[in-house]
Amino acid sequence: MELLRNAVRPYAWGSRTTIPELLGRPVPAPHPEAELWMGAHPGDPSHVIGPDGTERSLLELVEADPVGQLGTTCADRWGGRLPFLLKILAAEEPLSMQAHPSAAQAAEGYAREESAGIPRDASNRNYPDPTAKPELVCALTEFHALAGFRDPERTISLLKAIETPGLAKYAVLLEAQPDPAGLRALFTTWITLPQAALDELLPEVLDSCVKHVRERGEFDVECRTILELGESHPRDAGVLAALLLNRLTLSAGEAIYLPAGNLHLYLHGTAVEILANSDNILRCGLTPKHVDVPELLRVVDFACGEMPVQSGEREERLSVYRTDAPEFELSRIEWEAGDDGEIGVHDVGPQILLCTAGSLLVTADDGEQVELRRGQSVWLPAADPEVRVRPLSGERTQVFRATAGTC
C-alpha cells in the first residue's frame, strides 16, 4: 500500500487551473494540463513512493511480479498487464470526436498494421496496441459531452428547425430512412464531402444556428454547441457530424459508459475517467490529427437513442458504476460532513484509490496506514491484506475506487 506520483498530460484542450489546484500547486499553470494518469500505461506510468521516499515505476513493479501485484486471475486474464487506466480529465475546450474499437477489431487492426510495417508511434497508426478501449466518465463538476447517435426522429426535427437550402436535402435523406442505416448513410455522406461543398454548407448551418439561438428555439443548447465547434473548426466535417449526436450535461456523480463503437466528444468540465489500458482511437474530426475515414466507418456503431446516464448503484456510502467492460469497474465512496464511518474496500485484484474531496485514512489489517489527501492516490496490490478507509477531517469526503472488472 503506497502513495502514487502520477503523470500530467499537457494537451492543448486542458485547463490551467483544475489539475494544479487539485494537486495543491500554484495556479494558473504555465501551460494547459488536460489529464492526470493513474496506472501502469507504458506511455506514462505512475510511480510508487516507498516508505523511504524512493520511487519505482508501477509498470516495472507489475512486470516484475504480476501475480503479487495483480492476483492470479487478473494476471492470467490480461497477460500480466494492469487492464485499466484511471484519469482526471480537465477539459477547458472540446476534444476530438472519436470512437474506439472492440477487442476483435483492435486485434485485427493491430495485426494488419504490424504486418504492414507501420511504426507504432507513427502519426497515421490507428492501432498501437491489440486491445479494446471501452471507457466510463464520471463528472466531478458539471460536465458537457456529445455521445451516441440521437434518435433519428429527433434529429430530423433539429435539421428542420435549422433548415437551410443546403441542409434541406439531408433532412429528407434521413426522413426517408430514420434508422441506424439512414444515420450511417448521412454520416458517411457528410464526412466525405469535398472541401468545397463543406465550405459552402457550413456557413449556412452556422448562420441558421445563430438565428435559432437568438429566437430561443427548441434546440438552443444543441445549436450553441455547433456554434462553439464551428468557431474552433470552421472547415471541419465533424461540425456536421455533431448534429447527429446526443447532447448531454452531467451533474457531479453522474456517469456515461462508452462501449466499443460509440462516437463521442467531450466538450467541457472535470471528470474521473476509467478506461481499458489502450491507445486505440479512431478520430472523426475536430482535430489536426490523423483521420482515417474508411477505418472509422468499420468501427462506429450506429445504434441510436438516448444515451444512458447513471448515478451508480448505491449501498450506504458506496456507489458502483456498472458496465459490461471486463477491464475495469469504478465505484465512488462518499461521507457527508460529520460522518466518520469506516468502510472496507478490499478486493481480490489490484485497485487504485483516488481522493477527490476531504481527506481519509487508509488502514490495512496488518496495521499499516496511509493518509490520503485531496488529489492523492494510493496503489493497493492484490497481495496486500484487507483495507478499510474512513474520513479524517470531519468535512465532506469523496474517494473513487478503480478495480479490474474480472478480478
Protein backbone atom coordinates (compact mmCIF):
# COMPACT_ATOMS: atom_id res chain seq x y z
CA MET A 1 0.00 0.00 0.00
CA GLU A 2 1.89 3.03 -1.30
CA LEU A 3 1.13 6.55 -2.49
CA LEU A 4 1.42 7.27 -6.19
CA ARG A 5 3.11 10.08 -8.08
CA ASN A 6 1.16 10.47 -11.29
CA ALA A 7 1.88 11.91 -14.72
CA VAL A 8 0.18 15.07 -16.02
CA ARG A 9 -0.54 15.23 -19.74
CA PRO A 10 -0.36 18.81 -21.15
CA TYR A 11 -2.78 18.67 -24.10
CA ALA A 12 -3.88 21.98 -25.61
CA TRP A 13 -7.56 21.48 -24.67
CA GLY A 14 -6.75 21.23 -20.95
CA SER A 15 -7.25 23.65 -18.06
CA ARG A 16 -4.55 25.80 -16.46
CA THR A 17 -6.28 25.65 -13.07
CA THR A 18 -8.16 22.38 -12.43
CA ILE A 19 -5.36 19.85 -12.04
CA PRO A 20 -2.86 22.25 -10.40
CA GLU A 21 -5.49 23.25 -7.83
CA LEU A 22 -6.36 19.59 -7.17
CA LEU A 23 -2.69 18.78 -6.58
CA GLY A 24 -2.03 21.86 -4.45
CA ARG A 25 0.31 23.52 -6.95
CA PRO A 26 0.42 27.21 -7.99
CA VAL A 27 -2.48 28.39 -10.13
CA PRO A 28 -2.60 29.05 -13.03
CA ALA A 29 -0.11 26.60 -14.53
CA PRO A 30 2.20 27.88 -17.28
CA HIS A 31 0.53 25.55 -19.81
CA PRO A 32 -2.80 23.72 -20.11
CA GLU A 33 -2.94 20.50 -18.09
CA ALA A 34 -5.52 18.10 -19.50
CA GLU A 35 -5.19 14.69 -17.84
CA LEU A 36 -3.75 13.12 -14.70
CA TRP A 37 -2.91 9.46 -15.35
CA MET A 38 -3.01 6.80 -12.62
CA GLY A 39 -1.90 3.33 -13.62
CA ALA A 40 0.74 1.33 -15.47
CA HIS A 41 0.34 2.65 -19.01
CA PRO A 42 3.68 2.29 -20.86
CA GLY A 43 3.40 5.86 -22.16
CA ASP A 44 3.32 7.47 -18.70
CA PRO A 45 3.19 5.03 -15.77
CA SER A 46 2.60 6.16 -12.20
CA HIS A 47 5.44 5.87 -9.72
CA VAL A 48 5.05 4.15 -6.36
CA ILE A 49 6.60 6.11 -3.48
CA GLY A 50 8.31 3.82 -0.97
CA PRO A 51 8.48 4.41 2.81
CA ASP A 52 11.97 5.90 2.42
CA GLY A 53 10.85 8.27 -0.35
CA THR A 54 12.38 6.28 -3.19
CA GLU A 55 10.25 5.77 -6.31
CA ARG A 56 9.71 2.92 -8.71
CA SER A 57 7.58 2.73 -11.84
CA LEU A 58 4.30 0.92 -11.29
CA LEU A 59 4.78 -0.63 -14.72
CA GLU A 60 8.08 -2.13 -13.58
CA LEU A 61 6.52 -3.45 -10.38
CA VAL A 62 3.71 -5.16 -12.29
CA GLU A 63 6.07 -6.64 -14.86
CA ALA A 64 8.41 -7.95 -12.13
CA ASP A 65 5.64 -9.56 -10.04
CA PRO A 66 2.36 -9.81 -11.98
CA VAL A 67 0.76 -12.36 -9.63
CA GLY A 68 1.64 -10.45 -6.46
CA GLN A 69 0.57 -7.10 -7.88
CA LEU A 70 -2.49 -8.18 -9.90
CA GLY A 71 -3.55 -11.52 -8.40
CA THR A 72 -3.55 -14.83 -10.26
CA THR A 73 -6.91 -14.38 -12.01
CA CYS A 74 -6.18 -10.86 -13.25
CA ALA A 75 -2.59 -11.66 -14.27
CA ASP A 76 -3.73 -14.70 -16.26
CA ARG A 77 -6.71 -12.92 -17.86
CA TRP A 78 -4.72 -9.89 -19.01
CA GLY A 79 -1.30 -11.37 -19.72
CA GLY A 80 0.39 -9.77 -16.73
CA ARG A 81 -0.85 -6.25 -17.59
CA LEU A 82 -2.85 -3.92 -15.37
CA PRO A 83 -6.01 -3.80 -17.52
CA PHE A 84 -7.29 -0.34 -16.57
CA LEU A 85 -6.13 3.27 -16.51
CA LEU A 86 -7.66 5.86 -14.17
CA LYS A 87 -7.63 9.56 -15.07
CA ILE A 88 -8.68 13.01 -14.01
CA LEU A 89 -9.95 14.75 -17.13
CA ALA A 90 -9.90 18.59 -17.18
CA ALA A 91 -11.44 19.84 -20.43
CA GLU A 92 -11.38 23.59 -20.99
CA GLU A 93 -12.05 23.17 -24.71
CA PRO A 94 -13.63 20.37 -26.79
CA LEU A 95 -11.61 17.26 -27.53
CA SER A 96 -11.60 15.49 -30.90
CA MET A 97 -14.66 13.48 -31.98
CA GLN A 98 -13.71 9.81 -31.75
CA ALA A 99 -14.67 6.17 -31.32
CA HIS A 100 -12.81 3.12 -30.05
CA PRO A 101 -12.62 -0.42 -31.46
CA SER A 102 -13.91 -3.68 -29.99
CA ALA A 103 -11.46 -6.33 -28.82
CA ALA A 104 -11.77 -8.22 -32.13
CA GLN A 105 -11.38 -5.06 -34.22
CA ALA A 106 -8.35 -3.95 -32.21
CA ALA A 107 -6.64 -7.32 -32.51
CA GLU A 108 -7.26 -7.50 -36.27
CA GLY A 109 -6.26 -3.88 -36.87
CA TYR A 110 -3.10 -4.20 -34.80
CA ALA A 111 -2.03 -7.35 -36.66
CA ARG A 112 -2.74 -5.69 -40.01
CA GLU A 113 -0.68 -2.60 -39.22
CA GLU A 114 2.15 -4.68 -37.73
CA SER A 115 2.23 -6.74 -40.93
CA ALA A 116 2.30 -3.54 -42.99
CA GLY A 117 5.33 -2.34 -41.02
CA ILE A 118 3.72 0.87 -39.77
CA PRO A 119 5.72 2.10 -36.73
CA ARG A 120 3.65 2.01 -33.53
CA ASP A 121 4.34 5.69 -32.87
CA ALA A 122 3.56 6.79 -36.46
CA SER A 123 1.04 9.61 -36.80
CA ASN A 124 -1.05 7.52 -39.21
CA ARG A 125 -1.17 4.47 -36.93
CA ASN A 126 -4.72 3.56 -35.83
CA TYR A 127 -3.92 0.58 -33.61
CA PRO A 128 -0.77 1.00 -31.50
CA ASP A 129 -1.88 -1.96 -29.34
CA PRO A 130 -4.14 -5.01 -29.81
CA THR A 131 -6.71 -4.23 -27.10
CA ALA A 132 -10.16 -2.66 -26.85
CA LYS A 133 -10.69 0.73 -25.23
CA PRO A 134 -14.10 0.98 -23.53
CA GLU A 135 -14.35 3.88 -21.09
CA LEU A 136 -16.58 5.41 -18.43
CA VAL A 137 -16.54 9.07 -17.47
CA CYS A 138 -17.98 10.31 -14.15
CA ALA A 139 -18.49 14.04 -13.63
CA LEU A 140 -16.79 15.90 -10.79
CA THR A 141 -18.22 19.22 -11.95
CA GLU A 142 -20.97 19.93 -14.47
CA PHE A 143 -19.65 18.03 -17.49
CA HIS A 144 -20.73 18.51 -21.10
CA ALA A 145 -20.44 15.91 -23.85
CA LEU A 146 -21.78 14.62 -27.14
CA ALA A 147 -22.20 10.84 -27.11
CA GLY A 148 -24.07 8.27 -29.15
CA PHE A 149 -26.40 8.88 -32.08
CA ARG A 150 -29.62 10.69 -31.21
CA ASP A 151 -32.94 9.12 -32.16
CA PRO A 152 -33.31 9.89 -35.90
CA GLU A 153 -36.80 11.37 -35.49
CA ARG A 154 -35.43 13.89 -33.02
CA THR A 155 -32.51 14.68 -35.34
CA ILE A 156 -34.93 15.24 -38.22
CA SER A 157 -36.71 17.81 -36.05
CA LEU A 158 -33.38 19.53 -35.35
CA LEU A 159 -32.41 19.61 -39.02
CA LYS A 160 -35.78 21.10 -39.94
CA ALA A 161 -35.54 23.68 -37.15
CA ILE A 162 -32.26 25.00 -38.60
CA GLU A 163 -33.12 24.20 -42.22
CA THR A 164 -31.13 25.96 -44.91
CA PRO A 165 -31.17 25.48 -48.70
CA GLY A 166 -28.09 23.27 -48.48
CA LEU A 167 -29.25 21.31 -45.43
CA ALA A 168 -32.79 20.53 -46.59
CA LYS A 169 -31.86 17.57 -48.81
CA TYR A 170 -30.05 15.88 -45.92
CA ALA A 171 -33.10 16.15 -43.68
CA VAL A 172 -35.09 14.48 -46.47
CA LEU A 173 -32.44 11.75 -46.74
CA LEU A 174 -32.72 10.85 -43.05
CA GLU A 175 -36.50 11.21 -43.07
CA ALA A 176 -36.67 8.57 -45.80
CA GLN A 177 -34.72 6.11 -43.61
CA PRO A 178 -34.94 7.11 -39.93
CA ASP A 179 -32.89 4.22 -38.55
CA PRO A 180 -29.24 3.22 -37.99
CA ALA A 181 -28.77 2.54 -41.71
CA GLY A 182 -30.05 6.02 -42.51
CA LEU A 183 -27.71 7.54 -39.94
CA ARG A 184 -24.79 5.63 -41.44
CA ALA A 185 -25.67 6.95 -44.92
CA LEU A 186 -25.97 10.56 -43.76
CA PHE A 187 -22.88 10.42 -41.55
CA THR A 188 -20.83 8.87 -44.37
CA THR A 189 -22.05 11.49 -46.83
CA TRP A 190 -21.13 14.36 -44.53
CA ILE A 191 -17.67 13.22 -43.51
CA THR A 192 -16.71 12.51 -47.12
CA LEU A 193 -17.99 15.78 -48.58
CA PRO A 194 -15.42 17.59 -50.75
CA GLN A 195 -13.93 20.60 -49.01
CA ALA A 196 -15.58 22.98 -51.49
CA ALA A 197 -19.02 21.58 -50.59
CA LEU A 198 -18.23 21.84 -46.87
CA ASP A 199 -17.11 25.43 -47.28
CA GLU A 200 -20.49 26.24 -48.82
CA LEU A 201 -22.68 24.26 -46.41
CA LEU A 202 -21.08 25.00 -43.03
CA PRO A 203 -21.53 28.80 -43.06
CA GLU A 204 -25.23 28.27 -43.90
CA VAL A 205 -25.61 25.89 -40.94
CA LEU A 206 -23.80 28.20 -38.54
CA ASP A 207 -25.82 31.25 -39.60
CA SER A 208 -29.03 29.28 -39.08
CA CYS A 209 -27.84 28.15 -35.64
CA VAL A 210 -27.21 31.79 -34.69
CA LYS A 211 -30.75 32.66 -35.74
CA HIS A 212 -32.17 29.70 -33.78
CA VAL A 213 -30.32 30.75 -30.61
CA ARG A 214 -31.46 34.39 -30.95
CA GLU A 215 -35.04 33.19 -31.27
CA ARG A 216 -34.60 30.89 -28.26
CA GLY A 217 -35.59 27.88 -30.27
CA GLU A 218 -36.18 24.36 -29.02
CA PHE A 219 -32.65 23.25 -29.86
CA ASP A 220 -30.84 26.18 -28.24
CA VAL A 221 -28.25 24.03 -26.42
CA GLU A 222 -27.51 21.90 -29.47
CA CYS A 223 -27.10 25.00 -31.66
CA ARG A 224 -24.79 26.69 -29.16
CA THR A 225 -22.63 23.58 -29.23
CA ILE A 226 -22.48 23.59 -33.04
CA LEU A 227 -21.50 27.26 -32.97
CA GLU A 228 -18.73 26.55 -30.44
CA LEU A 229 -17.35 23.75 -32.59
CA GLY A 230 -17.74 25.77 -35.78
CA GLU A 231 -15.77 28.66 -34.32
CA SER A 232 -12.86 26.37 -33.41
CA HIS A 233 -13.02 24.23 -36.56
CA PRO A 234 -14.72 26.34 -39.28
CA ARG A 235 -13.98 23.98 -42.18
CA ASP A 236 -14.33 20.60 -40.45
CA ALA A 237 -16.90 17.92 -41.33
CA GLY A 238 -17.00 16.97 -37.65
CA VAL A 239 -19.18 20.07 -37.06
CA LEU A 240 -21.86 18.49 -39.24
CA ALA A 241 -21.42 15.08 -37.60
CA ALA A 242 -22.04 16.73 -34.22
CA LEU A 243 -25.61 17.45 -35.36
CA LEU A 244 -26.33 13.71 -35.12
CA LEU A 245 -25.19 13.08 -31.53
CA ASN A 246 -26.91 13.28 -28.14
CA ARG A 247 -26.04 16.49 -26.26
CA LEU A 248 -25.50 15.66 -22.57
CA THR A 249 -24.99 17.69 -19.41
CA LEU A 250 -23.85 15.55 -16.47
CA SER A 251 -24.12 16.70 -12.87
CA ALA A 252 -21.43 15.73 -10.35
CA GLY A 253 -21.65 11.99 -9.68
CA GLU A 254 -23.39 11.17 -12.96
CA ALA A 255 -21.60 8.99 -15.48
CA ILE A 256 -21.82 7.66 -19.03
CA TYR A 257 -20.33 4.43 -20.31
CA LEU A 258 -18.85 4.44 -23.81
CA PRO A 259 -18.55 0.93 -25.23
CA ALA A 260 -16.83 -0.01 -28.48
CA GLY A 261 -18.04 1.98 -31.47
CA ASN A 262 -19.70 4.79 -29.52
CA LEU A 263 -18.96 8.09 -31.27
CA HIS A 264 -18.36 10.79 -28.68
CA LEU A 265 -16.85 14.17 -27.94
CA TYR A 266 -16.12 15.66 -24.50
CA LEU A 267 -16.85 19.39 -24.53
CA HIS A 268 -16.11 20.95 -21.15
CA GLY A 269 -15.78 20.11 -17.47
CA THR A 270 -13.88 17.99 -14.96
CA ALA A 271 -14.39 14.25 -14.57
CA VAL A 272 -12.92 11.00 -13.36
CA GLU A 273 -12.41 8.66 -16.30
CA ILE A 274 -11.64 4.95 -16.23
CA LEU A 275 -10.76 3.08 -19.38
CA ALA A 276 -9.07 -0.02 -20.68
CA ASN A 277 -5.30 0.35 -20.80
CA SER A 278 -5.15 1.12 -24.54
CA ASP A 279 -4.32 3.91 -27.01
CA ASN A 280 -6.59 2.81 -29.87
CA ILE A 281 -8.53 5.85 -31.16
CA LEU A 282 -10.34 6.34 -34.47
CA ARG A 283 -10.92 10.08 -34.91
CA CYS A 284 -13.79 11.58 -36.87
CA GLY A 285 -12.71 15.20 -36.94
CA LEU A 286 -12.33 18.44 -34.96
CA THR A 287 -8.61 17.72 -34.69
CA PRO A 288 -5.41 18.25 -36.70
CA LYS A 289 -4.50 14.60 -36.00
CA HIS A 290 -4.88 11.66 -38.37
CA VAL A 291 -8.43 10.84 -39.53
CA ASP A 292 -8.90 7.50 -41.33
CA VAL A 293 -12.49 7.61 -42.64
CA PRO A 294 -12.70 4.03 -44.01
CA GLU A 295 -11.37 2.58 -40.75
CA LEU A 296 -13.63 4.84 -38.70
CA LEU A 297 -16.66 3.54 -40.60
CA ARG A 298 -15.61 -0.04 -39.79
CA VAL A 299 -15.63 0.78 -36.08
CA VAL A 300 -18.52 3.21 -35.45
CA ASP A 301 -21.73 1.75 -34.04
CA PHE A 302 -24.79 3.50 -35.49
CA ALA A 303 -27.23 2.22 -32.86
CA CYS A 304 -29.32 5.20 -31.80
CA GLY A 305 -31.44 6.53 -28.96
CA GLU A 306 -30.97 8.31 -25.66
CA MET A 307 -27.57 7.86 -24.04
CA PRO A 308 -27.97 6.15 -20.64
CA VAL A 309 -26.80 8.27 -17.70
CA GLN A 310 -26.15 6.53 -14.40
CA SER A 311 -25.56 7.71 -10.85
CA GLY A 312 -24.20 4.39 -9.61
CA GLU A 313 -25.88 1.57 -7.72
CA ARG A 314 -25.81 2.94 -4.18
CA GLU A 315 -25.48 0.99 -0.94
CA GLU A 316 -24.95 3.25 2.08
CA ARG A 317 -21.77 5.24 1.28
CA LEU A 318 -20.75 3.21 -1.80
CA SER A 319 -21.96 3.76 -5.39
CA VAL A 320 -20.87 1.33 -8.11
CA TYR A 321 -20.98 2.20 -11.83
CA ARG A 322 -21.93 -1.00 -13.66
CA THR A 323 -20.72 -1.74 -17.19
CA ASP A 324 -20.03 -4.80 -19.31
CA ALA A 325 -16.33 -3.88 -19.60
CA PRO A 326 -14.19 -6.74 -18.25
CA GLU A 327 -11.17 -4.46 -17.87
CA PHE A 328 -12.45 -2.18 -15.11
CA GLU A 329 -15.00 -1.22 -12.50
CA LEU A 330 -15.36 2.22 -10.92
CA SER A 331 -17.04 2.99 -7.62
CA ARG A 332 -17.44 6.14 -5.55
CA ILE A 333 -17.44 6.36 -1.75
CA GLU A 334 -18.81 9.49 -0.07
CA TRP A 335 -19.12 10.67 3.51
CA GLU A 336 -21.17 13.72 4.40
CA ALA A 337 -19.69 16.24 6.85
CA GLY A 338 -19.64 14.75 10.34
CA ASP A 339 -19.86 11.14 9.15
CA ASP A 340 -16.77 9.22 10.27
CA GLY A 341 -17.93 5.67 9.48
CA GLU A 342 -15.39 3.15 8.25
CA ILE A 343 -15.84 1.02 5.13
CA GLY A 344 -13.86 -1.92 3.77
CA VAL A 345 -12.53 -1.67 0.20
CA HIS A 346 -10.54 -4.87 -0.18
CA ASP A 347 -10.80 -6.76 -3.46
CA VAL A 348 -9.18 -9.92 -4.81
CA GLY A 349 -7.45 -7.91 -7.52
CA PRO A 350 -5.45 -4.67 -7.78
CA GLN A 351 -7.00 -1.31 -7.01
CA ILE A 352 -6.28 2.41 -7.01
CA LEU A 353 -7.95 4.78 -4.56
CA LEU A 354 -8.18 8.45 -5.56
CA CYS A 355 -9.29 11.12 -3.08
CA THR A 356 -11.23 13.96 -4.73
CA ALA A 357 -12.63 15.72 -1.63
CA GLY A 358 -11.61 15.94 2.04
CA SER A 359 -9.01 13.53 3.41
CA LEU A 360 -9.09 9.97 4.66
CA LEU A 361 -7.12 7.30 6.46
CA VAL A 362 -6.42 4.01 4.69
CA THR A 363 -5.73 1.19 7.17
CA ALA A 364 -4.65 -2.37 6.38
CA ASP A 365 -5.35 -5.34 8.63
CA ASP A 366 -1.63 -5.63 9.38
CA GLY A 367 -1.70 -2.13 10.90
CA GLU A 368 -0.12 -0.24 8.02
CA GLN A 369 -1.72 3.16 7.45
CA VAL A 370 -1.61 5.80 4.74
CA GLU A 371 -3.20 9.25 4.91
CA LEU A 372 -4.78 10.29 1.64
CA ARG A 373 -5.44 13.98 0.97
CA ARG A 374 -7.41 15.55 -1.89
CA GLY A 375 -5.65 14.90 -5.19
CA GLN A 376 -3.63 11.97 -3.85
CA SER A 377 -3.96 8.33 -4.85
CA VAL A 378 -2.73 5.03 -3.46
CA TRP A 379 -1.87 1.70 -5.07
CA LEU A 380 -3.22 -1.45 -3.40
CA PRO A 381 -1.67 -4.64 -4.85
CA ALA A 382 -3.67 -7.86 -4.85
CA ALA A 383 -1.26 -9.37 -2.31
CA ASP A 384 -1.99 -6.66 0.28
CA PRO A 385 -4.11 -7.52 3.34
CA GLU A 386 -7.69 -6.26 3.64
CA VAL A 387 -8.05 -2.47 3.75
CA ARG A 388 -10.52 -0.08 5.40
CA VAL A 389 -11.00 3.66 4.85
CA ARG A 390 -12.53 6.44 6.96
CA PRO A 391 -12.62 10.26 6.81
CA LEU A 392 -10.12 12.31 8.79
CA SER A 393 -11.27 15.92 8.68
CA GLY A 394 -14.98 15.79 9.52
CA GLU A 395 -15.78 17.51 6.20
CA ARG A 396 -17.41 16.01 3.13
CA THR A 397 -15.08 13.35 1.79
CA GLN A 398 -15.05 11.51 -1.51
CA VAL A 399 -12.84 8.75 -2.89
CA PHE A 400 -13.01 6.87 -6.18
CA ARG A 401 -12.01 3.22 -6.33
CA ALA A 402 -10.75 1.65 -9.55
CA THR A 403 -10.53 -2.13 -9.85
CA ALA A 404 -10.23 -4.70 -12.62
CA GLY A 405 -13.64 -5.88 -13.73
CA THR A 406 -12.88 -9.60 -13.91
CA CYS A 407 -10.73 -9.98 -10.80
